[in-house]
N, C-alpha and C. Protein backbone atom coordinates (compact mmCIF):
# COMPACT_ATOMS: atom_id res chain seq x y z
N MET A 1 -7.17 -16.35 -9.01
CA MET A 1 -6.92 -16.78 -7.45
C MET A 1 -8.05 -15.91 -7.26
N ARG A 2 -9.12 -15.73 -6.75
CA ARG A 2 -9.65 -14.75 -6.72
C ARG A 2 -9.98 -15.01 -5.32
N THR A 3 -10.22 -13.80 -4.22
CA THR A 3 -10.62 -13.82 -3.01
C THR A 3 -10.98 -12.53 -1.98
N GLU A 4 -11.86 -12.71 -1.01
CA GLU A 4 -12.20 -11.13 -0.75
C GLU A 4 -12.42 -11.21 0.81
N LEU A 5 -12.49 -10.34 1.78
CA LEU A 5 -12.46 -10.10 3.06
C LEU A 5 -13.45 -9.25 3.57
N HIS A 6 -14.55 -9.09 4.09
CA HIS A 6 -15.19 -8.13 5.17
C HIS A 6 -14.53 -7.90 6.46
N VAL A 7 -14.01 -6.65 6.70
CA VAL A 7 -13.57 -6.52 8.00
C VAL A 7 -14.57 -5.48 8.56
N PRO A 8 -14.43 -4.88 9.78
CA PRO A 8 -14.88 -3.51 10.52
C PRO A 8 -14.06 -2.67 10.04
N SER A 9 -14.39 -1.50 10.24
CA SER A 9 -13.62 -0.56 9.99
C SER A 9 -13.38 -0.11 11.84
N ASP A 10 -12.12 -0.82 11.83
CA ASP A 10 -11.65 -0.55 13.46
C ASP A 10 -9.62 -0.87 13.15
N LEU A 11 -8.94 -0.08 13.47
CA LEU A 11 -7.58 -0.42 13.25
C LEU A 11 -6.95 -1.33 13.70
N GLN A 12 -7.24 -2.33 15.26
CA GLN A 12 -7.54 -3.16 15.27
C GLN A 12 -7.36 -4.38 14.54
N TYR A 13 -7.84 -4.37 13.42
CA TYR A 13 -7.93 -5.71 12.55
C TYR A 13 -7.01 -4.89 11.51
N ILE A 14 -5.62 -4.26 11.55
CA ILE A 14 -4.88 -4.27 10.38
C ILE A 14 -4.30 -5.71 10.62
N GLY A 15 -3.86 -6.45 11.28
CA GLY A 15 -3.08 -7.58 11.29
C GLY A 15 -4.27 -8.82 10.68
N VAL A 16 -5.17 -8.25 11.15
CA VAL A 16 -6.32 -9.17 9.91
C VAL A 16 -5.73 -9.47 8.63
N VAL A 17 -6.24 -7.69 7.98
CA VAL A 17 -5.75 -7.34 7.00
C VAL A 17 -4.66 -7.66 6.18
N GLU A 18 -3.28 -7.11 6.93
CA GLU A 18 -2.81 -7.95 5.78
C GLU A 18 -2.12 -9.30 6.02
N ALA A 19 -2.50 -10.26 7.10
CA ALA A 19 -2.50 -11.45 7.26
C ALA A 19 -3.23 -11.95 6.25
N TRP A 20 -4.50 -11.64 5.60
CA TRP A 20 -5.31 -11.77 4.68
C TRP A 20 -4.55 -11.94 3.14
N LEU A 21 -3.83 -10.49 3.26
CA LEU A 21 -3.63 -10.48 2.07
C LEU A 21 -2.22 -11.34 1.32
N LEU A 22 -1.58 -11.23 2.76
CA LEU A 22 -0.02 -11.87 2.23
C LEU A 22 -0.64 -13.72 2.23
N GLY A 23 -1.36 -13.76 3.03
CA GLY A 23 -1.39 -15.28 3.48
C GLY A 23 -2.17 -15.72 1.86
N SER A 24 -3.04 -14.97 0.96
CA SER A 24 -3.56 -15.68 0.15
C SER A 24 -2.77 -15.12 -1.10
N LEU A 25 -1.88 -14.56 -0.34
CA LEU A 25 -0.74 -14.44 -2.05
C LEU A 25 0.31 -15.27 -1.76
N GLU A 26 0.73 -16.08 -0.53
CA GLU A 26 1.82 -17.01 -0.36
C GLU A 26 0.86 -18.66 -1.01
N VAL A 27 -0.08 -18.63 -0.97
CA VAL A 27 -0.69 -19.47 -1.54
C VAL A 27 -0.86 -19.80 -2.26
N ALA A 28 -1.27 -18.65 -3.52
CA ALA A 28 -1.69 -18.63 -5.23
C ALA A 28 -0.34 -18.57 -5.78
N LEU A 29 0.75 -18.31 -4.87
CA LEU A 29 2.10 -17.83 -5.81
C LEU A 29 3.21 -19.42 -5.18
N ASN A 30 3.31 -19.86 -6.18
CA ASN A 30 4.56 -21.37 -5.75
C ASN A 30 6.19 -20.76 -6.63
N GLN A 31 6.84 -21.63 -6.49
CA GLN A 31 8.21 -21.81 -6.67
C GLN A 31 8.12 -21.28 -8.40
N SER A 32 7.55 -21.89 -8.67
CA SER A 32 7.46 -21.93 -10.29
C SER A 32 7.03 -20.67 -10.93
N ASP A 33 6.38 -19.46 -10.16
CA ASP A 33 5.97 -18.08 -9.76
C ASP A 33 6.97 -17.09 -10.46
N GLN A 34 8.30 -17.35 -9.55
CA GLN A 34 9.49 -16.70 -9.56
C GLN A 34 8.81 -15.31 -9.54
N VAL A 35 8.46 -14.64 -7.80
CA VAL A 35 8.75 -14.03 -7.90
C VAL A 35 9.28 -13.21 -6.95
N ASP A 36 9.78 -11.93 -6.76
CA ASP A 36 10.76 -11.45 -5.92
C ASP A 36 10.04 -11.28 -4.55
N TRP A 37 9.30 -11.81 -3.84
CA TRP A 37 8.29 -11.94 -2.83
C TRP A 37 8.43 -11.23 -1.26
N SER A 38 10.10 -11.18 -1.36
CA SER A 38 10.44 -9.94 -0.12
C SER A 38 10.07 -8.75 -0.42
N ARG A 39 10.33 -8.29 -1.93
CA ARG A 39 10.15 -6.87 -2.07
C ARG A 39 8.82 -7.08 -2.25
N GLN A 40 7.87 -7.77 -2.79
CA GLN A 40 6.41 -7.23 -3.02
C GLN A 40 5.45 -7.20 -1.87
N SER A 41 6.24 -8.13 -1.12
CA SER A 41 5.13 -8.17 0.08
C SER A 41 5.76 -7.07 0.54
N SER A 42 6.69 -6.63 1.13
CA SER A 42 6.86 -5.09 1.54
C SER A 42 5.88 -3.78 0.81
N ARG A 43 5.88 -3.53 -0.18
CA ARG A 43 5.49 -2.84 -1.22
C ARG A 43 4.12 -2.90 -1.26
N LEU A 44 3.76 -4.62 -1.18
CA LEU A 44 2.05 -4.35 -1.28
C LEU A 44 1.24 -4.32 0.29
N ARG A 45 2.16 -4.62 1.10
CA ARG A 45 1.71 -5.00 2.98
C ARG A 45 1.72 -2.99 3.26
N LEU A 46 2.73 -2.31 2.96
CA LEU A 46 2.66 -0.54 2.75
C LEU A 46 1.27 -0.03 1.90
N VAL A 47 0.99 -0.62 0.89
CA VAL A 47 -0.39 -0.53 -0.08
C VAL A 47 -1.58 -0.47 0.81
N LEU A 48 -1.31 -1.95 1.09
CA LEU A 48 -2.82 -1.96 1.77
C LEU A 48 -3.40 -1.19 3.16
N VAL A 49 -2.10 -1.45 3.74
CA VAL A 49 -2.50 -1.20 5.11
C VAL A 49 -2.78 0.79 4.84
N GLU A 50 -2.13 1.52 4.19
CA GLU A 50 -2.38 2.82 3.87
C GLU A 50 -3.66 2.71 3.21
N ALA A 51 -4.07 2.29 2.46
CA ALA A 51 -5.19 2.24 1.86
C ALA A 51 -6.62 2.11 3.12
N TYR A 52 -6.42 0.97 4.03
CA TYR A 52 -7.26 0.17 4.72
C TYR A 52 -7.43 1.71 6.04
N SER A 53 -6.80 2.03 6.52
CA SER A 53 -6.08 2.99 7.45
C SER A 53 -6.97 4.00 7.24
N ASN A 54 -6.76 4.53 5.80
CA ASN A 54 -7.37 5.53 5.40
C ASN A 54 -8.81 5.51 5.42
N VAL A 55 -9.43 4.29 4.68
CA VAL A 55 -10.80 4.11 5.53
C VAL A 55 -11.45 4.49 6.27
N VAL A 56 -10.46 4.04 7.52
CA VAL A 56 -11.17 3.91 8.87
C VAL A 56 -11.14 5.15 9.30
N ARG A 57 -9.87 5.90 9.04
CA ARG A 57 -9.52 6.90 9.95
C ARG A 57 -10.75 8.21 9.20
N HIS A 58 -10.59 8.18 7.76
CA HIS A 58 -11.27 8.99 7.31
C HIS A 58 -12.73 8.56 6.45
N ALA A 59 -13.05 8.18 5.99
CA ALA A 59 -14.06 7.77 4.92
C ALA A 59 -15.07 7.43 6.21
N HIS A 60 -15.06 6.17 7.19
CA HIS A 60 -15.75 5.80 8.34
C HIS A 60 -15.59 6.44 9.52
N ARG A 61 -14.76 7.42 9.25
CA ARG A 61 -14.27 8.05 11.13
C ARG A 61 -15.74 7.98 11.83
N ASP A 62 -15.25 7.26 13.11
CA ASP A 62 -16.20 7.21 14.06
C ASP A 62 -17.75 6.41 13.64
N GLN A 63 -17.22 5.58 12.63
CA GLN A 63 -18.74 4.63 12.26
C GLN A 63 -17.67 3.24 12.05
N PRO A 64 -17.31 2.11 13.43
CA PRO A 64 -16.80 1.61 13.28
C PRO A 64 -17.63 0.49 12.70
N ASN A 65 -18.97 0.44 12.54
CA ASN A 65 -19.90 -0.27 12.17
C ASN A 65 -20.46 -1.03 11.15
N LEU A 66 -19.31 0.35 9.90
CA LEU A 66 -19.59 -0.10 8.87
C LEU A 66 -18.38 -1.27 8.38
N PRO A 67 -18.65 -1.72 7.60
CA PRO A 67 -18.01 -2.69 7.03
C PRO A 67 -16.78 -2.00 5.82
N VAL A 68 -15.49 -2.62 5.86
CA VAL A 68 -14.66 -2.19 5.09
C VAL A 68 -14.67 -3.82 3.84
N LEU A 69 -15.27 -3.49 2.57
CA LEU A 69 -14.88 -4.98 1.95
C LEU A 69 -13.46 -4.88 0.97
N LEU A 70 -12.54 -6.04 1.23
CA LEU A 70 -11.06 -6.03 0.37
C LEU A 70 -11.38 -7.36 -0.62
N LYS A 71 -10.93 -7.19 -1.92
CA LYS A 71 -11.05 -7.57 -2.95
C LYS A 71 -9.78 -8.24 -3.46
N LEU A 72 -9.25 -9.60 -3.52
CA LEU A 72 -7.91 -10.02 -4.75
C LEU A 72 -8.02 -10.37 -5.73
N GLU A 73 -7.47 -10.09 -6.44
CA GLU A 73 -7.53 -11.00 -7.66
C GLU A 73 -6.18 -11.28 -8.44
N LEU A 74 -5.78 -12.24 -8.36
CA LEU A 74 -4.10 -12.46 -9.12
C LEU A 74 -4.69 -13.36 -10.15
N LYS A 75 -4.19 -13.28 -11.31
CA LYS A 75 -4.07 -13.43 -12.56
C LYS A 75 -2.76 -13.54 -13.49
N ASP A 76 -2.00 -14.98 -13.21
CA ASP A 76 -0.74 -15.12 -13.53
C ASP A 76 0.21 -13.81 -12.72
N ARG A 77 0.42 -12.81 -13.48
CA ARG A 77 1.36 -11.95 -12.30
C ARG A 77 0.84 -10.97 -12.43
N ASP A 78 -0.54 -10.45 -12.36
CA ASP A 78 -1.04 -9.20 -12.65
C ASP A 78 -1.88 -9.20 -11.14
N LEU A 79 -1.61 -8.78 -10.73
CA LEU A 79 -3.02 -8.77 -9.30
C LEU A 79 -3.60 -7.27 -9.09
N HIS A 80 -4.48 -7.46 -8.93
CA HIS A 80 -5.54 -6.38 -8.46
C HIS A 80 -6.18 -6.39 -7.08
N LEU A 81 -6.21 -5.17 -6.43
CA LEU A 81 -6.55 -4.98 -5.37
C LEU A 81 -7.78 -3.89 -5.16
N GLU A 82 -8.87 -4.07 -4.48
CA GLU A 82 -10.28 -3.62 -4.50
C GLU A 82 -9.97 -3.32 -2.81
N ILE A 83 -10.52 -1.86 -2.52
CA ILE A 83 -10.91 -1.35 -1.60
C ILE A 83 -12.29 -1.09 -1.39
N TRP A 84 -13.14 -1.27 -1.10
CA TRP A 84 -14.62 -0.85 -0.74
C TRP A 84 -15.15 -0.10 0.51
N ASP A 85 -15.58 1.38 0.46
CA ASP A 85 -15.85 1.92 1.59
C ASP A 85 -17.15 2.14 1.90
N GLN A 86 -18.36 2.84 2.46
CA GLN A 86 -19.45 3.49 2.56
C GLN A 86 -19.46 4.57 3.01
N GLY A 87 -18.45 5.73 3.19
CA GLY A 87 -17.96 7.17 3.26
C GLY A 87 -18.54 7.98 2.67
N ALA A 88 -18.42 9.10 2.50
CA ALA A 88 -18.52 10.05 1.73
C ALA A 88 -17.48 10.50 0.48
N GLY A 89 -16.64 9.93 0.50
CA GLY A 89 -15.95 10.34 -0.27
C GLY A 89 -15.14 10.35 -0.76
N PHE A 90 -14.03 10.77 -1.43
CA PHE A 90 -12.63 11.36 -1.37
C PHE A 90 -12.79 12.41 -2.86
N ASP A 91 -12.71 13.61 -2.77
CA ASP A 91 -12.92 14.57 -4.25
C ASP A 91 -11.27 14.11 -4.70
N LEU A 92 -10.85 13.28 -5.55
CA LEU A 92 -9.54 13.95 -6.34
C LEU A 92 -9.02 15.10 -6.86
N ASP A 93 -10.27 15.78 -7.23
CA ASP A 93 -9.88 17.23 -7.81
C ASP A 93 -9.70 18.33 -6.57
N GLU A 94 -9.51 18.11 -5.66
CA GLU A 94 -9.34 18.52 -4.21
C GLU A 94 -8.10 18.05 -4.01
N TYR A 95 -7.32 17.05 -4.52
CA TYR A 95 -6.41 16.46 -3.75
C TYR A 95 -5.01 17.71 -4.69
N ARG A 96 -4.52 18.19 -3.13
CA ARG A 96 -2.72 18.52 -3.65
C ARG A 96 -1.67 17.71 -3.23
N SER A 97 -1.05 17.95 -4.17
CA SER A 97 0.39 16.76 -3.82
C SER A 97 1.13 17.07 -2.71
N PRO A 98 1.22 16.62 -1.72
CA PRO A 98 1.96 17.41 -0.82
C PRO A 98 3.99 18.04 -1.51
N VAL A 99 3.98 19.02 -0.90
CA VAL A 99 5.17 19.91 -1.23
C VAL A 99 6.20 20.08 0.37
N PRO A 100 7.43 19.27 0.18
CA PRO A 100 8.49 18.96 1.08
C PRO A 100 8.27 20.34 1.99
N GLU A 101 8.61 21.12 1.58
CA GLU A 101 9.04 22.65 1.96
C GLU A 101 7.36 23.50 2.89
N GLU A 102 6.32 22.64 2.42
CA GLU A 102 5.66 23.71 2.92
C GLU A 102 5.08 22.65 4.40
N HIS A 103 5.82 21.82 4.87
CA HIS A 103 5.12 20.53 5.83
C HIS A 103 3.91 20.43 6.14
N GLN A 104 3.20 19.82 5.05
CA GLN A 104 1.91 19.46 4.30
C GLN A 104 1.70 18.35 5.16
N GLU A 105 0.68 18.45 6.04
CA GLU A 105 0.24 16.93 7.03
C GLU A 105 -0.20 15.26 6.20
N GLY A 106 -1.15 15.81 5.51
CA GLY A 106 -2.05 15.26 4.81
C GLY A 106 -1.65 15.58 3.52
N GLY A 107 -2.12 13.97 2.67
CA GLY A 107 -2.16 13.99 1.51
C GLY A 107 -0.70 13.00 0.70
N TYR A 108 0.07 12.64 1.44
CA TYR A 108 1.08 11.38 1.43
C TYR A 108 0.36 9.68 1.20
N GLY A 109 -0.73 9.82 1.54
CA GLY A 109 -1.35 8.32 1.02
C GLY A 109 -1.72 8.22 -0.40
N TRP A 110 -2.15 9.10 -1.23
CA TRP A 110 -2.69 8.93 -1.90
C TRP A 110 -0.81 8.98 -3.06
N LEU A 111 -0.36 9.21 -2.98
CA LEU A 111 1.49 9.99 -3.30
C LEU A 111 1.91 8.42 -2.96
N ILE A 112 1.81 7.38 -1.94
CA ILE A 112 2.26 6.21 -1.60
C ILE A 112 2.11 5.66 -2.92
N LEU A 113 0.50 5.68 -2.95
CA LEU A 113 -0.33 4.29 -3.76
C LEU A 113 0.00 4.66 -4.97
N THR A 114 0.04 5.73 -5.37
CA THR A 114 0.43 6.00 -7.07
C THR A 114 2.03 5.63 -7.69
N ARG A 115 2.63 6.06 -6.28
CA ARG A 115 4.38 5.83 -6.86
C ARG A 115 4.19 4.17 -6.34
N LEU A 116 3.77 3.26 -5.57
CA LEU A 116 4.06 2.10 -5.34
C LEU A 116 3.32 0.99 -6.06
N MET A 117 2.35 1.48 -6.80
CA MET A 117 1.18 0.40 -7.75
C MET A 117 1.51 1.40 -9.35
N ASP A 118 1.04 0.05 -9.82
CA ASP A 118 1.03 0.53 -11.56
C ASP A 118 0.09 1.00 -11.86
N LYS A 119 -1.00 0.99 -11.36
CA LYS A 119 -2.12 1.41 -11.72
C LYS A 119 -3.20 2.02 -10.37
N VAL A 120 -3.67 3.08 -10.11
CA VAL A 120 -4.97 3.56 -9.44
C VAL A 120 -6.03 4.17 -9.58
N GLU A 121 -6.73 3.42 -9.28
CA GLU A 121 -8.78 4.78 -9.59
C GLU A 121 -9.08 4.76 -8.57
N TYR A 122 -9.31 5.74 -8.37
CA TYR A 122 -10.81 5.17 -7.27
C TYR A 122 -12.07 6.14 -8.28
N HIS A 123 -13.28 5.32 -7.55
CA HIS A 123 -14.22 5.17 -8.03
C HIS A 123 -15.34 5.87 -7.01
N LEU A 124 -16.24 7.16 -6.90
CA LEU A 124 -16.54 7.52 -6.28
C LEU A 124 -18.27 7.52 -6.46
N GLN A 125 -18.55 6.89 -5.16
CA GLN A 125 -20.38 6.87 -5.11
C GLN A 125 -20.81 5.31 -6.16
N VAL A 126 -20.04 4.62 -6.16
CA VAL A 126 -20.22 3.13 -7.27
C VAL A 126 -21.42 2.36 -6.65
N ASN A 127 -22.91 2.70 -6.69
CA ASN A 127 -23.98 1.92 -5.61
C ASN A 127 -23.63 2.07 -4.30
N GLY A 128 -23.43 3.38 -4.02
CA GLY A 128 -23.68 3.80 -2.87
C GLY A 128 -22.68 3.72 -2.28
N GLN A 129 -21.21 2.83 -3.05
CA GLN A 129 -19.91 2.73 -2.71
C GLN A 129 -18.80 3.63 -3.03
N ASN A 130 -18.05 3.39 -2.05
CA ASN A 130 -16.35 4.16 -3.20
C ASN A 130 -15.36 2.78 -3.44
N CYS A 131 -15.15 2.87 -4.43
CA CYS A 131 -13.67 1.62 -4.69
C CYS A 131 -12.65 2.45 -4.87
N LEU A 132 -11.33 2.18 -4.20
CA LEU A 132 -10.18 2.43 -4.69
C LEU A 132 -9.49 1.26 -5.42
N ARG A 133 -9.27 0.87 -6.16
CA ARG A 133 -8.74 -0.07 -7.05
C ARG A 133 -7.24 -0.04 -7.89
N MET A 134 -6.30 -0.82 -7.22
CA MET A 134 -4.90 -0.91 -7.88
C MET A 134 -4.68 -2.02 -8.48
N GLU A 135 -3.64 -1.75 -8.92
CA GLU A 135 -3.25 -3.09 -10.00
C GLU A 135 -1.60 -3.17 -10.24
N ALA A 136 -0.67 -4.08 -10.30
CA ALA A 136 0.35 -4.25 -10.06
C ALA A 136 0.72 -5.17 -10.80
N LYS A 137 2.04 -5.66 -11.67
CA LYS A 137 2.27 -6.51 -12.08
C LYS A 137 3.71 -6.87 -11.63
N LEU A 138 3.71 -8.51 -11.09
CA LEU A 138 4.69 -8.76 -9.69
C LEU A 138 5.71 -9.25 -10.43
N ALA A 139 7.20 -8.65 -10.07
CA ALA A 139 8.37 -8.37 -10.45
C ALA A 139 8.72 -10.18 -10.54
N LYS A 140 9.90 -10.41 -11.30
CA LYS A 140 10.19 -11.66 -11.16
C LYS A 140 10.99 -11.21 -10.50
N PRO A 141 12.43 -12.13 -9.63
CA PRO A 141 13.64 -11.91 -8.57
C PRO A 141 14.59 -11.46 -9.93
N GLU A 142 15.48 -10.47 -9.17
CA GLU A 142 16.29 -10.05 -9.96
C GLU A 142 17.38 -11.37 -10.26
N ALA A 143 18.34 -11.76 -11.67
CA ALA A 143 19.00 -12.64 -11.05
C ALA A 143 20.58 -12.19 -10.74
């Protein structure tokens, strides 16, 4: 299953983004897939909301006319999610992992994404756009 969504850079669309992801996966997954849906849906919802809101608040800041492209692919139990933006980009070389004792305000988004997904890649300026690509294997329910 493959699907994509073009959505404005506006946090008012966060419900649309969530419904697209969860609705698409619910249709694609059936009882025979045996996926721990309650656990997986919470994890994927958090990842998508974090990534989309970062694009809106940082990459497309003050440019709600720039669209965000979301792509979802599910093959068997392998999920691939891409978020494309047209912002200046995020330099991973400048990323500093949060240290709780320092009461750092930013930097938690990347930490959340890398902890919740199996693989996270960020490609800066691919054909004039940036791509956040995340992958996860959907777990079976525990017996």
